[in-house]
N, C-alpha and C. Protein backbone atom coordinates (compact mmCIF):
# COMPACT_ATOMS: atom_id res chain seq x y z
N UNK A 1 106.76 153.05 -13.53
CA UNK A 1 105.83 151.96 -13.31
C UNK A 1 106.48 150.99 -12.32
N UNK A 2 106.03 151.05 -11.08
CA UNK A 2 106.62 150.23 -10.04
C UNK A 2 106.10 148.80 -10.06
N UNK A 3 104.90 148.60 -10.53
CA UNK A 3 104.31 147.26 -10.54
C UNK A 3 104.61 146.57 -11.87
N UNK A 4 105.48 145.58 -11.81
CA UNK A 4 105.82 144.81 -12.99
C UNK A 4 105.07 143.49 -12.93
N UNK A 5 104.33 143.20 -13.97
CA UNK A 5 103.52 141.98 -14.04
C UNK A 5 104.31 140.94 -14.82
N UNK A 6 104.42 139.74 -14.28
CA UNK A 6 105.19 138.69 -14.94
C UNK A 6 104.36 138.02 -16.04
N UNK A 7 105.09 137.34 -16.93
CA UNK A 7 104.41 136.59 -18.00
C UNK A 7 103.55 135.48 -17.40
N UNK A 8 104.04 134.87 -16.30
CA UNK A 8 103.29 133.79 -15.66
C UNK A 8 101.95 134.30 -15.12
N UNK A 9 101.97 135.51 -14.56
CA UNK A 9 100.74 136.10 -14.02
C UNK A 9 99.73 136.34 -15.14
N UNK A 10 100.19 136.88 -16.25
CA UNK A 10 99.30 137.13 -17.39
C UNK A 10 98.76 135.81 -17.93
N UNK A 11 99.62 134.81 -18.00
CA UNK A 11 99.18 133.50 -18.47
C UNK A 11 98.11 132.93 -17.53
N UNK A 12 98.32 133.06 -16.23
CA UNK A 12 97.37 132.55 -15.23
C UNK A 12 96.04 133.30 -15.31
N UNK A 13 96.10 134.61 -15.44
CA UNK A 13 94.87 135.41 -15.57
C UNK A 13 94.13 135.01 -16.84
N UNK A 14 94.85 134.77 -17.90
CA UNK A 14 94.23 134.32 -19.16
C UNK A 14 93.52 132.99 -19.00
N UNK A 15 94.14 132.09 -18.23
CA UNK A 15 93.52 130.78 -17.98
C UNK A 15 92.26 130.95 -17.16
N UNK A 16 92.34 131.78 -16.09
CA UNK A 16 91.17 132.01 -15.25
C UNK A 16 90.03 132.64 -16.04
N UNK A 17 90.36 133.57 -16.94
CA UNK A 17 89.34 134.26 -17.73
C UNK A 17 88.95 133.47 -18.97
N UNK A 18 89.60 132.32 -19.18
CA UNK A 18 89.35 131.46 -20.35
C UNK A 18 89.54 132.25 -21.65
N UNK A 19 90.69 132.96 -21.68
CA UNK A 19 91.04 133.75 -22.86
C UNK A 19 92.28 133.19 -23.52
N UNK A 20 92.29 133.22 -24.82
CA UNK A 20 93.49 132.88 -25.56
C UNK A 20 94.05 134.19 -26.10
N UNK A 21 95.15 134.63 -25.51
CA UNK A 21 95.72 135.93 -25.87
C UNK A 21 96.94 135.73 -26.76
N UNK A 22 97.07 136.59 -27.77
CA UNK A 22 98.28 136.57 -28.60
C UNK A 22 99.41 137.22 -27.79
N UNK A 23 100.62 137.12 -28.29
CA UNK A 23 101.77 137.70 -27.60
C UNK A 23 101.59 139.22 -27.45
N UNK A 24 101.06 139.84 -28.49
CA UNK A 24 100.82 141.29 -28.45
C UNK A 24 99.77 141.66 -27.41
N UNK A 25 98.71 140.86 -27.33
CA UNK A 25 97.65 141.11 -26.34
C UNK A 25 98.17 140.89 -24.92
N UNK A 26 99.05 139.91 -24.75
CA UNK A 26 99.62 139.67 -23.43
C UNK A 26 100.47 140.85 -22.98
N UNK A 27 101.26 141.40 -23.89
CA UNK A 27 102.09 142.57 -23.56
C UNK A 27 101.21 143.77 -23.20
N UNK A 28 100.16 143.97 -23.97
CA UNK A 28 99.24 145.08 -23.69
C UNK A 28 98.55 144.88 -22.33
N UNK A 29 98.17 143.65 -22.03
CA UNK A 29 97.52 143.35 -20.75
C UNK A 29 98.49 143.58 -19.60
N UNK A 30 99.76 143.19 -19.75
CA UNK A 30 100.77 143.44 -18.72
C UNK A 30 100.90 144.93 -18.45
N UNK A 31 100.92 145.72 -19.50
CA UNK A 31 101.05 147.17 -19.36
C UNK A 31 99.81 147.75 -18.66
N UNK A 32 98.62 147.32 -19.10
CA UNK A 32 97.37 147.84 -18.53
C UNK A 32 97.23 147.48 -17.05
N UNK A 33 97.50 146.23 -16.71
CA UNK A 33 97.38 145.81 -15.32
C UNK A 33 98.40 146.54 -14.45
N UNK A 34 99.61 146.71 -14.98
CA UNK A 34 100.63 147.47 -14.24
C UNK A 34 100.18 148.89 -13.97
N UNK A 35 99.57 149.54 -14.98
CA UNK A 35 99.07 150.91 -14.80
C UNK A 35 97.94 150.95 -13.76
N UNK A 36 97.08 149.94 -13.77
CA UNK A 36 95.99 149.90 -12.79
C UNK A 36 96.55 149.76 -11.37
N UNK A 37 97.52 148.88 -11.21
CA UNK A 37 98.12 148.70 -9.89
C UNK A 37 98.87 149.95 -9.43
N UNK A 38 99.51 150.65 -10.37
CA UNK A 38 100.18 151.91 -10.02
C UNK A 38 99.17 152.93 -9.54
N UNK A 39 98.03 152.99 -10.20
CA UNK A 39 96.99 153.94 -9.80
C UNK A 39 96.43 153.59 -8.41
N UNK A 40 96.27 152.31 -8.14
CA UNK A 40 95.82 151.89 -6.81
C UNK A 40 96.84 152.29 -5.75
N UNK A 41 98.12 152.13 -6.06
CA UNK A 41 99.17 152.57 -5.13
C UNK A 41 99.07 154.06 -4.88
N UNK A 42 98.79 154.81 -5.93
CA UNK A 42 98.65 156.27 -5.79
C UNK A 42 97.46 156.60 -4.90
N UNK A 43 96.35 155.90 -5.07
CA UNK A 43 95.18 156.13 -4.23
C UNK A 43 95.46 155.77 -2.77
N UNK A 44 96.26 154.75 -2.55
CA UNK A 44 96.59 154.33 -1.18
C UNK A 44 97.42 155.37 -0.44
N UNK A 45 98.04 156.31 -1.17
CA UNK A 45 98.82 157.37 -0.54
C UNK A 45 97.94 158.46 0.06
N UNK A 46 96.66 158.50 -0.33
CA UNK A 46 95.76 159.54 0.17
C UNK A 46 95.45 159.33 1.64
N UNK A 47 95.32 160.45 2.37
CA UNK A 47 94.93 160.39 3.77
C UNK A 47 93.41 160.35 3.85
N UNK A 48 92.87 159.22 4.25
CA UNK A 48 91.42 159.06 4.35
C UNK A 48 90.97 158.94 5.80
N UNK A 49 91.82 159.34 6.73
CA UNK A 49 91.48 159.19 8.14
C UNK A 49 90.27 160.03 8.55
N UNK A 50 90.03 161.15 7.86
CA UNK A 50 88.90 162.02 8.20
C UNK A 50 87.64 161.68 7.41
N UNK A 51 87.72 160.67 6.55
CA UNK A 51 86.57 160.29 5.73
C UNK A 51 85.80 159.20 6.45
N UNK A 52 84.51 159.45 6.63
CA UNK A 52 83.66 158.48 7.32
C UNK A 52 83.34 157.32 6.38
N UNK A 53 83.40 156.09 6.88
CA UNK A 53 83.06 154.94 6.03
C UNK A 53 81.62 155.06 5.51
N UNK A 54 81.41 154.58 4.27
CA UNK A 54 80.07 154.67 3.70
C UNK A 54 79.77 153.42 2.89
N UNK A 55 78.49 153.17 2.71
CA UNK A 55 78.11 152.02 1.91
C UNK A 55 77.80 152.40 0.47
N UNK A 56 77.55 153.70 0.22
CA UNK A 56 77.26 154.18 -1.13
C UNK A 56 78.02 155.48 -1.36
N UNK A 57 78.41 155.70 -2.59
CA UNK A 57 79.11 156.92 -2.94
C UNK A 57 78.15 158.10 -2.93
N UNK A 58 76.94 157.88 -3.39
CA UNK A 58 75.95 158.94 -3.46
C UNK A 58 75.03 158.89 -2.25
N UNK A 59 74.40 160.02 -1.91
CA UNK A 59 73.46 160.00 -0.78
C UNK A 59 72.37 158.96 -1.02
N UNK A 60 72.08 158.22 0.00
CA UNK A 60 71.14 157.11 -0.14
C UNK A 60 70.12 157.21 0.98
N UNK A 61 68.87 157.12 0.62
CA UNK A 61 67.83 157.15 1.63
C UNK A 61 66.84 156.03 1.35
N UNK A 62 66.12 155.65 2.37
CA UNK A 62 65.17 154.55 2.26
C UNK A 62 64.04 154.97 1.32
N UNK A 63 63.85 154.19 0.27
CA UNK A 63 62.81 154.51 -0.71
C UNK A 63 61.54 153.69 -0.49
N UNK A 64 61.53 152.88 0.55
CA UNK A 64 60.36 152.06 0.82
C UNK A 64 59.26 152.89 1.48
N UNK A 65 58.04 152.48 1.30
CA UNK A 65 56.91 153.15 1.93
C UNK A 65 56.16 152.13 2.77
N UNK A 66 55.29 152.62 3.60
CA UNK A 66 54.46 151.72 4.39
C UNK A 66 53.54 150.94 3.47
N UNK A 67 53.31 149.71 3.77
CA UNK A 67 52.43 148.86 2.97
C UNK A 67 51.00 149.05 3.49
N UNK A 68 50.28 149.97 2.85
CA UNK A 68 48.93 150.32 3.28
C UNK A 68 47.96 150.00 2.16
N UNK A 69 46.89 149.27 2.47
CA UNK A 69 45.86 148.95 1.48
C UNK A 69 45.04 150.21 1.22
N UNK A 70 44.93 150.60 -0.06
CA UNK A 70 44.19 151.83 -0.37
C UNK A 70 42.91 151.57 -1.14
N UNK A 71 42.81 150.40 -1.80
CA UNK A 71 41.61 150.17 -2.60
C UNK A 71 40.91 148.85 -2.25
N UNK A 72 41.27 148.21 -1.19
CA UNK A 72 40.61 146.96 -0.79
C UNK A 72 40.93 145.82 -1.73
N UNK A 73 40.34 144.67 -1.47
CA UNK A 73 40.65 143.50 -2.30
C UNK A 73 39.68 143.31 -3.46
N UNK A 74 38.53 143.93 -3.46
CA UNK A 74 37.58 143.83 -4.57
C UNK A 74 37.04 142.42 -4.79
N UNK A 75 37.08 141.60 -3.76
CA UNK A 75 36.64 140.21 -3.88
C UNK A 75 35.18 140.12 -4.28
N UNK A 76 34.33 140.90 -3.65
CA UNK A 76 32.89 140.82 -3.95
C UNK A 76 32.60 141.20 -5.39
N UNK A 77 33.24 142.24 -5.90
CA UNK A 77 33.03 142.64 -7.30
C UNK A 77 33.52 141.56 -8.25
N UNK A 78 34.67 140.96 -7.93
CA UNK A 78 35.22 139.92 -8.80
C UNK A 78 34.33 138.69 -8.85
N UNK A 79 33.79 138.31 -7.71
CA UNK A 79 32.96 137.11 -7.65
C UNK A 79 31.52 137.35 -8.08
N UNK A 80 31.11 138.59 -8.25
CA UNK A 80 29.72 138.91 -8.61
C UNK A 80 29.35 138.31 -9.97
N UNK A 81 30.30 138.22 -10.89
CA UNK A 81 30.02 137.71 -12.23
C UNK A 81 30.47 136.26 -12.43
N UNK A 82 30.85 135.60 -11.36
CA UNK A 82 31.31 134.21 -11.47
C UNK A 82 30.14 133.31 -11.81
N UNK A 83 30.29 132.42 -12.79
CA UNK A 83 29.22 131.50 -13.12
C UNK A 83 28.90 130.57 -11.95
N UNK A 84 29.93 130.20 -11.20
CA UNK A 84 29.72 129.34 -10.04
C UNK A 84 30.78 129.69 -9.00
N UNK A 85 30.34 129.77 -7.75
CA UNK A 85 31.28 130.09 -6.69
C UNK A 85 30.97 129.27 -5.46
N UNK A 86 31.99 129.09 -4.64
CA UNK A 86 31.85 128.36 -3.39
C UNK A 86 32.53 129.22 -2.33
N UNK A 87 31.73 129.73 -1.41
CA UNK A 87 32.18 130.67 -0.39
C UNK A 87 32.86 131.87 -1.08
N UNK A 88 34.15 132.09 -0.85
CA UNK A 88 34.83 133.24 -1.45
C UNK A 88 35.78 132.83 -2.57
N UNK A 89 35.43 131.78 -3.32
CA UNK A 89 36.31 131.29 -4.38
C UNK A 89 35.52 130.99 -5.63
N UNK A 90 36.20 131.00 -6.78
CA UNK A 90 35.62 130.57 -8.05
C UNK A 90 35.60 129.06 -8.07
N UNK A 91 34.58 128.47 -8.68
CA UNK A 91 34.54 127.04 -8.90
C UNK A 91 34.85 126.84 -10.38
N UNK A 92 35.84 126.00 -10.65
CA UNK A 92 36.26 125.73 -12.03
C UNK A 92 36.23 124.24 -12.27
N UNK A 93 36.15 123.82 -13.54
CA UNK A 93 36.12 122.39 -13.83
C UNK A 93 37.43 121.72 -13.39
N UNK A 94 37.34 120.51 -12.95
CA UNK A 94 38.51 119.75 -12.51
C UNK A 94 39.35 119.44 -13.74
N UNK A 95 40.67 119.63 -13.65
CA UNK A 95 41.54 119.40 -14.79
C UNK A 95 42.42 118.17 -14.60
N UNK A 96 42.60 117.73 -13.36
CA UNK A 96 43.43 116.55 -13.10
C UNK A 96 42.56 115.55 -12.34
N UNK A 97 42.57 114.30 -12.82
CA UNK A 97 41.74 113.31 -12.15
C UNK A 97 42.54 112.44 -11.21
């Protein structure tokens, strides 16, 4: 384990995360963070020069469709049963004076 995490670092991370860790939890966190950093170092050893940069791990395609009206607005049908209408709108009682 090349990455050694100091007690001060664990204390600082605990403060940032607003955690109160026991001594045992701090030791476990030091070990876990060290293992994570070791794994990142291992990944950094890989040759990725032939790998094309990507924005998603999985194949991604545009899922949007054209915005095409297929059934119209139905305004005339909606207003056909209105008790009172003015031009293309419903007339309702005034609620604020």
